[in-house]
Amino acid sequence: MRNFMIKTNRGFSMMELLVAVLVMGIGVLSVTGLQMISLQDNQDALRRSEALQLAYEIMDRIRVNPGIGVPGIGYDGVGLDDLSDAPPDCVATNCSANQMVDFDLALWKCSLGGHNADGVCTDLREDVLLPAIGDQPGLPNGQGQIEVDASGRVTVTIQWLGFNNVERTVTVASQG
């Protein structure tokens, strides 16, 4: 008599293979989604850091040029969309305290990014007082405002568009 051995199939069935592919696909999509969220959060953090740096930059300019009377009062009342006319070049020439205010505000507003296409900002870039747009574009639709109260407390607010065009805001206050 012959000894018949039953041959068993080794390996995976088609159903097991499909389940494994499905589980791997869900895992890969999950990791990809987490990576996208991480990139968005990192970009938001970078822009928030840039906004803080720009807020502290104008605060330093205000401290250096206190003006007459209440420190920093010359910088008061700058609205989000305000952009002054072409300021004098206070790097090449000596400027009065009021001219320095105009110069500081123009440089700051152009650095925020919301006025990149305006003539004042274009002129400042051509005069090499600001980096080229490719080197420092600023924040997406970046705008800033400054308020100075009677005691000299300076409040700087910067707004920009974050991910999905959500408006982001940073506010910094300090005694001038």
N, C-alpha and C. Protein backbone atom coordinates (compact mmCIF):
# COMPACT_ATOMS: atom_id res chain seq x y z
N MET A 1 0.80 -1.16 0.00
CA MET A 1 0.00 0.00 0.00
C MET A 1 0.85 1.24 0.00
N ARG A 2 0.36 2.08 -0.71
CA ARG A 2 1.07 3.35 -0.81
C ARG A 2 0.65 4.27 0.31
N ASN A 3 1.63 4.99 0.78
CA ASN A 3 1.36 5.95 1.83
C ASN A 3 1.06 7.30 1.17
N PHE A 4 -0.17 7.69 1.30
CA PHE A 4 -0.56 8.99 0.72
C PHE A 4 -0.40 10.08 1.75
N MET A 5 0.33 11.06 1.38
CA MET A 5 0.48 12.21 2.27
C MET A 5 -0.39 13.34 1.75
N ILE A 6 -1.06 13.92 2.69
CA ILE A 6 -1.91 15.03 2.29
C ILE A 6 -1.03 16.28 2.23
N LYS A 7 -1.08 16.90 1.12
CA LYS A 7 -0.27 18.07 0.89
C LYS A 7 -1.02 19.30 1.42
N THR A 8 -0.39 20.03 2.34
CA THR A 8 -1.02 21.23 2.88
C THR A 8 -0.43 22.45 2.18
N ASN A 9 -1.27 23.39 1.95
CA ASN A 9 -0.82 24.64 1.32
C ASN A 9 -0.11 25.49 2.35
N ARG A 10 1.00 25.99 1.97
CA ARG A 10 1.72 26.90 2.84
C ARG A 10 1.62 28.30 2.24
N GLY A 11 1.64 29.31 3.14
CA GLY A 11 1.56 30.69 2.67
C GLY A 11 0.25 31.33 3.11
N PHE A 12 -0.06 32.44 2.49
CA PHE A 12 -1.24 33.20 2.89
C PHE A 12 -2.37 32.97 1.91
N SER A 13 -3.56 33.06 2.42
CA SER A 13 -4.71 33.01 1.52
C SER A 13 -4.94 34.42 0.99
N MET A 14 -5.74 34.54 -0.01
CA MET A 14 -6.02 35.83 -0.61
C MET A 14 -6.69 36.76 0.41
N MET A 15 -7.55 36.24 1.23
CA MET A 15 -8.25 37.05 2.23
C MET A 15 -7.26 37.60 3.27
N GLU A 16 -6.34 36.81 3.72
CA GLU A 16 -5.34 37.26 4.67
C GLU A 16 -4.47 38.36 4.07
N LEU A 17 -4.14 38.20 2.82
CA LEU A 17 -3.34 39.20 2.13
C LEU A 17 -4.09 40.53 2.02
N LEU A 18 -5.36 40.48 1.68
CA LEU A 18 -6.16 41.71 1.56
C LEU A 18 -6.30 42.41 2.91
N VAL A 19 -6.50 41.66 3.98
CA VAL A 19 -6.60 42.25 5.31
C VAL A 19 -5.27 42.90 5.69
N ALA A 20 -4.16 42.25 5.40
CA ALA A 20 -2.84 42.82 5.71
C ALA A 20 -2.60 44.12 4.93
N VAL A 21 -2.97 44.13 3.66
CA VAL A 21 -2.81 45.33 2.85
C VAL A 21 -3.70 46.45 3.38
N LEU A 22 -4.92 46.13 3.80
CA LEU A 22 -5.83 47.12 4.35
C LEU A 22 -5.27 47.73 5.64
N VAL A 23 -4.77 46.91 6.53
CA VAL A 23 -4.20 47.39 7.79
C VAL A 23 -2.98 48.27 7.51
N MET A 24 -2.13 47.85 6.62
CA MET A 24 -0.95 48.65 6.27
C MET A 24 -1.36 49.99 5.64
N GLY A 25 -2.36 49.96 4.78
CA GLY A 25 -2.83 51.19 4.13
C GLY A 25 -3.37 52.18 5.14
N ILE A 26 -4.16 51.71 6.10
CA ILE A 26 -4.70 52.59 7.13
C ILE A 26 -3.56 53.17 7.97
N GLY A 27 -2.58 52.36 8.29
CA GLY A 27 -1.43 52.84 9.06
C GLY A 27 -0.65 53.91 8.32
N VAL A 28 -0.40 53.70 7.04
CA VAL A 28 0.36 54.67 6.25
C VAL A 28 -0.42 55.97 6.12
N LEU A 29 -1.72 55.89 5.88
CA LEU A 29 -2.53 57.10 5.78
C LEU A 29 -2.56 57.87 7.10
N SER A 30 -2.61 57.15 8.20
CA SER A 30 -2.61 57.80 9.51
C SER A 30 -1.29 58.54 9.75
N VAL A 31 -0.19 57.90 9.45
CA VAL A 31 1.11 58.53 9.63
C VAL A 31 1.25 59.75 8.71
N THR A 32 0.76 59.64 7.49
CA THR A 32 0.80 60.77 6.56
C THR A 32 -0.03 61.93 7.09
N GLY A 33 -1.21 61.65 7.61
CA GLY A 33 -2.05 62.70 8.20
C GLY A 33 -1.38 63.37 9.37
N LEU A 34 -0.74 62.60 10.23
CA LEU A 34 -0.02 63.18 11.36
C LEU A 34 1.14 64.05 10.90
N GLN A 35 1.80 63.60 9.86
CA GLN A 35 2.92 64.38 9.31
C GLN A 35 2.43 65.72 8.77
N MET A 36 1.30 65.73 8.08
CA MET A 36 0.74 66.97 7.54
C MET A 36 0.37 67.94 8.68
N ILE A 37 -0.26 67.43 9.72
CA ILE A 37 -0.63 68.26 10.85
C ILE A 37 0.63 68.82 11.53
N SER A 38 1.65 67.99 11.64
CA SER A 38 2.90 68.43 12.24
C SER A 38 3.54 69.54 11.42
N LEU A 39 3.54 69.42 10.10
CA LEU A 39 4.11 70.46 9.24
C LEU A 39 3.33 71.77 9.36
N GLN A 40 2.00 71.68 9.42
CA GLN A 40 1.18 72.88 9.58
C GLN A 40 1.46 73.56 10.92
N ASP A 41 1.55 72.77 11.98
CA ASP A 41 1.83 73.32 13.30
C ASP A 41 3.22 73.96 13.35
N ASN A 42 4.20 73.34 12.70
CA ASN A 42 5.55 73.90 12.66
C ASN A 42 5.57 75.23 11.90
N GLN A 43 4.84 75.29 10.79
CA GLN A 43 4.78 76.54 10.03
C GLN A 43 4.08 77.62 10.84
N ASP A 44 3.02 77.25 11.54
CA ASP A 44 2.32 78.22 12.38
C ASP A 44 3.23 78.74 13.49
N ALA A 45 4.00 77.85 14.10
CA ALA A 45 4.93 78.25 15.15
C ALA A 45 6.03 79.17 14.60
N LEU A 46 6.50 78.89 13.39
CA LEU A 46 7.51 79.73 12.76
C LEU A 46 6.96 81.14 12.52
N ARG A 47 5.75 81.21 12.01
CA ARG A 47 5.14 82.52 11.76
C ARG A 47 4.86 83.26 13.06
N ARG A 48 4.44 82.55 14.09
CA ARG A 48 4.21 83.18 15.38
C ARG A 48 5.55 83.74 15.92
N SER A 49 6.62 83.00 15.77
CA SER A 49 7.94 83.48 16.20
C SER A 49 8.35 84.72 15.42
N GLU A 50 8.10 84.71 14.12
CA GLU A 50 8.44 85.87 13.30
C GLU A 50 7.61 87.08 13.71
N ALA A 51 6.32 86.86 14.02
CA ALA A 51 5.47 87.96 14.47
C ALA A 51 5.98 88.54 15.79
N LEU A 52 6.37 87.67 16.70
CA LEU A 52 6.92 88.15 17.97
C LEU A 52 8.21 88.93 17.76
N GLN A 53 9.05 88.43 16.88
CA GLN A 53 10.30 89.14 16.59
C GLN A 53 10.02 90.52 16.02
N LEU A 54 9.03 90.63 15.13
CA LEU A 54 8.69 91.92 14.55
C LEU A 54 8.07 92.86 15.59
N ALA A 55 7.29 92.30 16.52
CA ALA A 55 6.72 93.12 17.60
C ALA A 55 7.82 93.67 18.50
N TYR A 56 8.77 92.82 18.87
CA TYR A 56 9.87 93.28 19.72
C TYR A 56 10.78 94.25 18.98
N GLU A 57 10.89 94.09 17.66
CA GLU A 57 11.71 95.01 16.88
C GLU A 57 11.15 96.43 16.94
N ILE A 58 9.84 96.58 16.75
CA ILE A 58 9.27 97.93 16.80
C ILE A 58 9.30 98.47 18.23
N MET A 59 9.16 97.60 19.21
CA MET A 59 9.26 98.06 20.60
C MET A 59 10.67 98.60 20.88
N ASP A 60 11.69 97.93 20.36
CA ASP A 60 13.06 98.42 20.53
C ASP A 60 13.25 99.76 19.83
N ARG A 61 12.67 99.90 18.64
CA ARG A 61 12.77 101.18 17.93
C ARG A 61 12.08 102.30 18.71
N ILE A 62 10.95 101.98 19.35
CA ILE A 62 10.24 102.97 20.16
C ILE A 62 11.08 103.37 21.37
N ARG A 63 11.74 102.40 21.99
CA ARG A 63 12.58 102.71 23.15
C ARG A 63 13.79 103.58 22.77
N VAL A 64 14.33 103.35 21.60
CA VAL A 64 15.49 104.12 21.15
C VAL A 64 15.07 105.55 20.80
N ASN A 65 13.86 105.74 20.31
CA ASN A 65 13.38 107.06 19.88
C ASN A 65 12.16 107.44 20.72
N PRO A 66 12.35 107.81 21.98
CA PRO A 66 11.19 108.08 22.84
C PRO A 66 10.43 109.34 22.45
N GLY A 67 11.06 110.27 21.73
CA GLY A 67 10.37 111.50 21.35
C GLY A 67 10.27 112.45 22.53
N ILE A 68 9.29 113.35 22.44
CA ILE A 68 9.11 114.38 23.47
C ILE A 68 7.84 114.06 24.25
N GLY A 69 7.88 114.26 25.55
CA GLY A 69 6.70 114.02 26.37
C GLY A 69 6.62 112.56 26.78
N VAL A 70 5.44 111.96 26.63
CA VAL A 70 5.24 110.55 26.99
C VAL A 70 6.09 109.70 26.05
N PRO A 71 6.95 108.82 26.59
CA PRO A 71 7.80 107.99 25.73
C PRO A 71 6.99 107.17 24.73
N GLY A 72 7.35 107.27 23.47
CA GLY A 72 6.72 106.49 22.42
C GLY A 72 5.43 107.04 21.88
N ILE A 73 4.99 108.22 22.36
CA ILE A 73 3.68 108.74 21.96
C ILE A 73 3.62 109.04 20.45
N GLY A 74 4.75 109.30 19.84
CA GLY A 74 4.77 109.55 18.40
C GLY A 74 4.35 108.33 17.58
N TYR A 75 4.46 107.15 18.18
CA TYR A 75 4.10 105.91 17.48
C TYR A 75 2.64 105.52 17.71
N ASP A 76 1.94 106.27 18.54
CA ASP A 76 0.56 105.92 18.90
C ASP A 76 -0.39 106.10 17.72
N GLY A 77 -1.41 105.27 17.69
CA GLY A 77 -2.49 105.41 16.72
C GLY A 77 -2.23 104.79 15.37
N VAL A 78 -1.22 103.96 15.24
CA VAL A 78 -0.96 103.30 13.97
C VAL A 78 -1.93 102.14 13.83
N GLY A 79 -2.78 102.19 12.80
CA GLY A 79 -3.78 101.15 12.59
C GLY A 79 -3.24 99.99 11.79
N LEU A 80 -4.04 98.93 11.71
CA LEU A 80 -3.60 97.72 11.01
C LEU A 80 -3.27 97.97 9.55
N ASP A 81 -4.07 98.73 8.85
CA ASP A 81 -3.85 98.92 7.41
C ASP A 81 -3.07 100.18 7.08
N ASP A 82 -2.68 100.95 8.08
CA ASP A 82 -1.98 102.22 7.83
C ASP A 82 -0.58 101.97 7.26
N LEU A 83 -0.23 102.78 6.28
CA LEU A 83 1.13 102.81 5.75
C LEU A 83 1.43 104.25 5.39
N SER A 84 2.46 104.80 5.97
CA SER A 84 2.77 106.21 5.74
C SER A 84 3.34 106.41 4.35
N ASP A 85 3.49 107.69 4.01
CA ASP A 85 4.13 108.05 2.75
C ASP A 85 5.62 107.71 2.84
N ALA A 86 6.30 107.90 1.75
CA ALA A 86 7.73 107.59 1.71
C ALA A 86 8.47 108.37 2.79
N PRO A 87 9.15 107.67 3.67
CA PRO A 87 9.89 108.35 4.74
C PRO A 87 11.26 108.81 4.24
N PRO A 88 11.89 109.74 4.97
CA PRO A 88 13.27 110.09 4.62
C PRO A 88 14.19 108.90 4.94
N ASP A 89 15.32 108.87 4.28
CA ASP A 89 16.29 107.81 4.52
C ASP A 89 17.13 108.20 5.73
N CYS A 90 16.74 107.69 6.90
CA CYS A 90 17.42 108.05 8.13
C CYS A 90 18.72 107.28 8.34
N VAL A 91 19.06 106.42 7.41
CA VAL A 91 20.35 105.73 7.47
C VAL A 91 21.42 106.63 6.84
N ALA A 92 21.05 107.29 5.73
CA ALA A 92 22.00 108.12 5.01
C ALA A 92 22.11 109.53 5.58
N THR A 93 21.05 110.01 6.23
CA THR A 93 21.05 111.38 6.76
C THR A 93 20.59 111.39 8.21
N ASN A 94 20.86 112.48 8.88
CA ASN A 94 20.36 112.66 10.25
C ASN A 94 18.90 113.06 10.17
N CYS A 95 18.09 112.45 11.01
CA CYS A 95 16.66 112.73 11.01
C CYS A 95 16.23 113.25 12.37
N SER A 96 15.17 114.04 12.36
CA SER A 96 14.57 114.48 13.61
C SER A 96 13.83 113.30 14.23
N ALA A 97 13.36 113.48 15.48
CA ALA A 97 12.62 112.40 16.16
C ALA A 97 11.36 112.04 15.39
N ASN A 98 10.65 113.05 14.84
CA ASN A 98 9.43 112.77 14.07
C ASN A 98 9.73 112.06 12.76
N GLN A 99 10.80 112.46 12.10
CA GLN A 99 11.18 111.78 10.85
C GLN A 99 11.58 110.33 11.14
N MET A 100 12.25 110.13 12.27
CA MET A 100 12.65 108.77 12.64
C MET A 100 11.42 107.90 12.92
N VAL A 101 10.38 108.48 13.49
CA VAL A 101 9.12 107.74 13.71
C VAL A 101 8.57 107.27 12.36
N ASP A 102 8.52 108.18 11.39
CA ASP A 102 8.01 107.80 10.05
C ASP A 102 8.87 106.72 9.42
N PHE A 103 10.17 106.85 9.55
CA PHE A 103 11.10 105.87 8.99
C PHE A 103 10.92 104.50 9.66
N ASP A 104 10.87 104.50 10.99
CA ASP A 104 10.70 103.24 11.73
C ASP A 104 9.39 102.55 11.35
N LEU A 105 8.32 103.31 11.29
CA LEU A 105 7.00 102.73 10.98
C LEU A 105 6.96 102.17 9.56
N ALA A 106 7.56 102.88 8.62
CA ALA A 106 7.56 102.39 7.24
C ALA A 106 8.36 101.09 7.13
N LEU A 107 9.54 101.04 7.74
CA LEU A 107 10.33 99.81 7.73
C LEU A 107 9.57 98.66 8.37
N TRP A 108 8.94 98.93 9.52
CA TRP A 108 8.22 97.89 10.25
C TRP A 108 7.02 97.39 9.46
N LYS A 109 6.21 98.32 8.94
CA LYS A 109 5.01 97.91 8.19
C LYS A 109 5.40 97.10 6.95
N CYS A 110 6.46 97.49 6.29
CA CYS A 110 6.90 96.75 5.09
C CYS A 110 7.47 95.39 5.47
N SER A 111 8.07 95.27 6.65
CA SER A 111 8.61 93.98 7.10
C SER A 111 7.51 93.00 7.47
N LEU A 112 6.33 93.51 7.80
CA LEU A 112 5.21 92.64 8.19
C LEU A 112 4.70 91.80 7.03
N GLY A 113 4.80 92.29 5.81
CA GLY A 113 4.44 91.49 4.65
C GLY A 113 3.13 91.85 3.99
N GLY A 114 2.27 92.60 4.64
CA GLY A 114 0.97 92.93 4.06
C GLY A 114 1.03 94.03 3.02
N HIS A 115 2.14 94.75 2.96
CA HIS A 115 2.27 95.89 2.04
C HIS A 115 3.40 95.68 1.04
N ASN A 116 3.77 94.44 0.78
CA ASN A 116 4.92 94.17 -0.09
C ASN A 116 4.83 94.85 -1.45
N ALA A 117 3.62 94.97 -2.00
CA ALA A 117 3.48 95.52 -3.35
C ALA A 117 3.34 97.04 -3.35
N ASP A 118 3.19 97.67 -2.19
CA ASP A 118 3.04 99.13 -2.13
C ASP A 118 4.33 99.82 -2.54
N GLY A 119 4.19 101.02 -3.09
CA GLY A 119 5.33 101.77 -3.59
C GLY A 119 6.35 102.10 -2.51
N VAL A 120 5.89 102.42 -1.31
CA VAL A 120 6.81 102.75 -0.23
C VAL A 120 7.73 101.56 0.06
N CYS A 121 7.14 100.37 0.14
CA CYS A 121 7.94 99.17 0.44
C CYS A 121 8.86 98.81 -0.72
N THR A 122 8.38 98.99 -1.93
CA THR A 122 9.21 98.72 -3.10
C THR A 122 10.41 99.67 -3.11
N ASP A 123 10.18 100.94 -2.79
CA ASP A 123 11.29 101.91 -2.75
C ASP A 123 12.30 101.55 -1.66
N LEU A 124 11.81 101.13 -0.49
CA LEU A 124 12.73 100.75 0.59
C LEU A 124 13.57 99.54 0.21
N ARG A 125 12.99 98.62 -0.56
CA ARG A 125 13.75 97.45 -1.02
C ARG A 125 14.76 97.84 -2.09
N GLU A 126 14.37 98.74 -2.97
CA GLU A 126 15.30 99.20 -4.01
C GLU A 126 16.47 99.96 -3.40
N ASP A 127 16.22 100.70 -2.31
CA ASP A 127 17.28 101.42 -1.62
C ASP A 127 18.08 100.51 -0.69
N VAL A 128 17.78 99.23 -0.68
CA VAL A 128 18.44 98.20 0.11
C VAL A 128 18.30 98.48 1.62
N LEU A 129 17.22 99.11 2.00
CA LEU A 129 16.93 99.31 3.42
C LEU A 129 16.14 98.12 3.98
N LEU A 130 15.56 97.34 3.07
CA LEU A 130 14.85 96.10 3.43
C LEU A 130 15.36 94.99 2.52
N PRO A 131 15.34 93.76 3.00
CA PRO A 131 15.74 92.65 2.13
C PRO A 131 14.76 92.48 0.97
N ALA A 132 15.22 91.83 -0.08
CA ALA A 132 14.35 91.53 -1.22
C ALA A 132 13.21 90.64 -0.76
N ILE A 133 12.10 90.69 -1.48
CA ILE A 133 10.91 89.92 -1.09
C ILE A 133 11.22 88.43 -0.99
N GLY A 134 12.03 87.91 -1.86
CA GLY A 134 12.38 86.49 -1.80
C GLY A 134 13.17 86.13 -0.55
N ASP A 135 13.91 87.10 -0.02
CA ASP A 135 14.72 86.85 1.18
C ASP A 135 13.92 86.98 2.47
N GLN A 136 12.96 87.88 2.48
CA GLN A 136 12.15 88.10 3.68
C GLN A 136 10.77 88.59 3.27
N PRO A 137 9.88 87.69 2.95
CA PRO A 137 8.56 88.13 2.47
C PRO A 137 7.64 88.64 3.58
N GLY A 138 7.96 88.38 4.82
CA GLY A 138 7.09 88.77 5.92
C GLY A 138 6.02 87.72 6.14
N LEU A 139 4.97 88.11 6.83
CA LEU A 139 3.87 87.21 7.14
C LEU A 139 2.81 87.30 6.05
N PRO A 140 2.05 86.23 5.83
CA PRO A 140 0.98 86.31 4.83
C PRO A 140 -0.07 87.33 5.25
N ASN A 141 -0.20 88.38 4.47
CA ASN A 141 -1.14 89.48 4.74
C ASN A 141 -0.88 90.08 6.14
N GLY A 142 0.40 90.17 6.51
CA GLY A 142 0.76 90.67 7.83
C GLY A 142 0.46 92.14 8.00
N GLN A 143 -0.19 92.47 9.10
CA GLN A 143 -0.56 93.85 9.44
C GLN A 143 -0.21 94.09 10.90
N GLY A 144 -0.01 95.33 11.29
CA GLY A 144 0.31 95.63 12.68
C GLY A 144 -0.28 96.95 13.12
N GLN A 145 -0.53 97.04 14.41
CA GLN A 145 -1.00 98.31 14.98
C GLN A 145 -0.26 98.58 16.28
N ILE A 146 -0.20 99.86 16.64
CA ILE A 146 0.51 100.28 17.85
C ILE A 146 -0.40 101.24 18.62
N GLU A 147 -0.47 101.01 19.92
CA GLU A 147 -1.20 101.92 20.80
C GLU A 147 -0.29 102.28 21.97
N VAL A 148 -0.28 103.54 22.33
CA VAL A 148 0.50 104.01 23.47
C VAL A 148 -0.46 104.78 24.37
N ASP A 149 -0.56 104.38 25.63
CA ASP A 149 -1.47 105.09 26.54
C ASP A 149 -0.74 106.24 27.24
N ALA A 150 -1.45 106.96 28.06
CA ALA A 150 -0.92 108.17 28.70
C ALA A 150 0.26 107.89 29.63
N SER A 151 0.35 106.66 30.14
CA SER A 151 1.47 106.32 31.03
C SER A 151 2.69 105.83 30.27
N GLY A 152 2.58 105.71 28.95
CA GLY A 152 3.70 105.24 28.13
C GLY A 152 3.70 103.74 27.90
N ARG A 153 2.61 103.06 28.25
CA ARG A 153 2.52 101.62 28.00
C ARG A 153 2.24 101.40 26.51
N VAL A 154 3.11 100.64 25.87
CA VAL A 154 3.03 100.38 24.43
C VAL A 154 2.44 99.00 24.20
N THR A 155 1.42 98.94 23.34
CA THR A 155 0.80 97.66 22.96
C THR A 155 0.93 97.51 21.46
N VAL A 156 1.59 96.45 21.04
CA VAL A 156 1.79 96.15 19.63
C VAL A 156 0.98 94.90 19.30
N THR A 157 0.15 94.99 18.26
CA THR A 157 -0.65 93.86 17.81
C THR A 157 -0.29 93.56 16.36
N ILE A 158 -0.03 92.30 16.08
CA ILE A 158 0.28 91.87 14.72
C ILE A 158 -0.71 90.78 14.32
N GLN A 159 -1.27 90.92 13.11
CA GLN A 159 -2.21 89.92 12.58
C GLN A 159 -1.68 89.40 11.25
N TRP A 160 -1.99 88.15 10.97
CA TRP A 160 -1.64 87.54 9.69
C TRP A 160 -2.58 86.38 9.44
N LEU A 161 -2.54 85.85 8.22
CA LEU A 161 -3.37 84.71 7.86
C LEU A 161 -2.58 83.44 8.05
N GLY A 162 -3.13 82.53 8.86
CA GLY A 162 -2.50 81.24 9.09
C GLY A 162 -3.06 80.19 8.14
N PHE A 163 -2.91 78.95 8.53
CA PHE A 163 -3.38 77.83 7.72
C PHE A 163 -4.90 77.92 7.52
N ASN A 164 -5.38 77.61 6.33
CA ASN A 164 -6.79 77.69 5.96
C ASN A 164 -7.34 79.11 6.11
N ASN A 165 -6.47 80.11 5.92
CA ASN A 165 -6.84 81.53 6.00
C ASN A 165 -7.49 81.90 7.33
N VAL A 166 -7.06 81.25 8.40
CA VAL A 166 -7.53 81.59 9.73
C VAL A 166 -6.67 82.75 10.25
N GLU A 167 -7.32 83.81 10.71
CA GLU A 167 -6.58 84.97 11.19
C GLU A 167 -5.89 84.66 12.51
N ARG A 168 -4.61 84.93 12.56
CA ARG A 168 -3.81 84.74 13.77
C ARG A 168 -3.41 86.10 14.30
N THR A 169 -3.27 86.21 15.61
CA THR A 169 -2.93 87.48 16.24
C THR A 169 -1.92 87.26 17.36
N VAL A 170 -0.97 88.17 17.45
CA VAL A 170 -0.02 88.23 18.56
C VAL A 170 -0.07 89.65 19.11
N THR A 171 -0.18 89.76 20.43
CA THR A 171 -0.18 91.07 21.07
C THR A 171 0.90 91.08 22.14
N VAL A 172 1.73 92.13 22.11
CA VAL A 172 2.80 92.29 23.09
C VAL A 172 2.64 93.68 23.69
N ALA A 173 2.71 93.74 25.01
CA ALA A 173 2.62 95.03 25.70
C ALA A 173 3.82 95.21 26.61
N SER A 174 4.28 96.45 26.71
CA SER A 174 5.44 96.74 27.55
C SER A 174 5.41 98.21 27.94
N GLN A 175 6.01 98.50 29.05
CA GLN A 175 6.15 99.90 29.45
C GLN A 175 7.25 100.52 28.62
N GLY A 176 6.94 101.61 27.91
CA GLY A 176 7.90 102.24 27.03
C GLY A 176 9.02 102.84 27.78
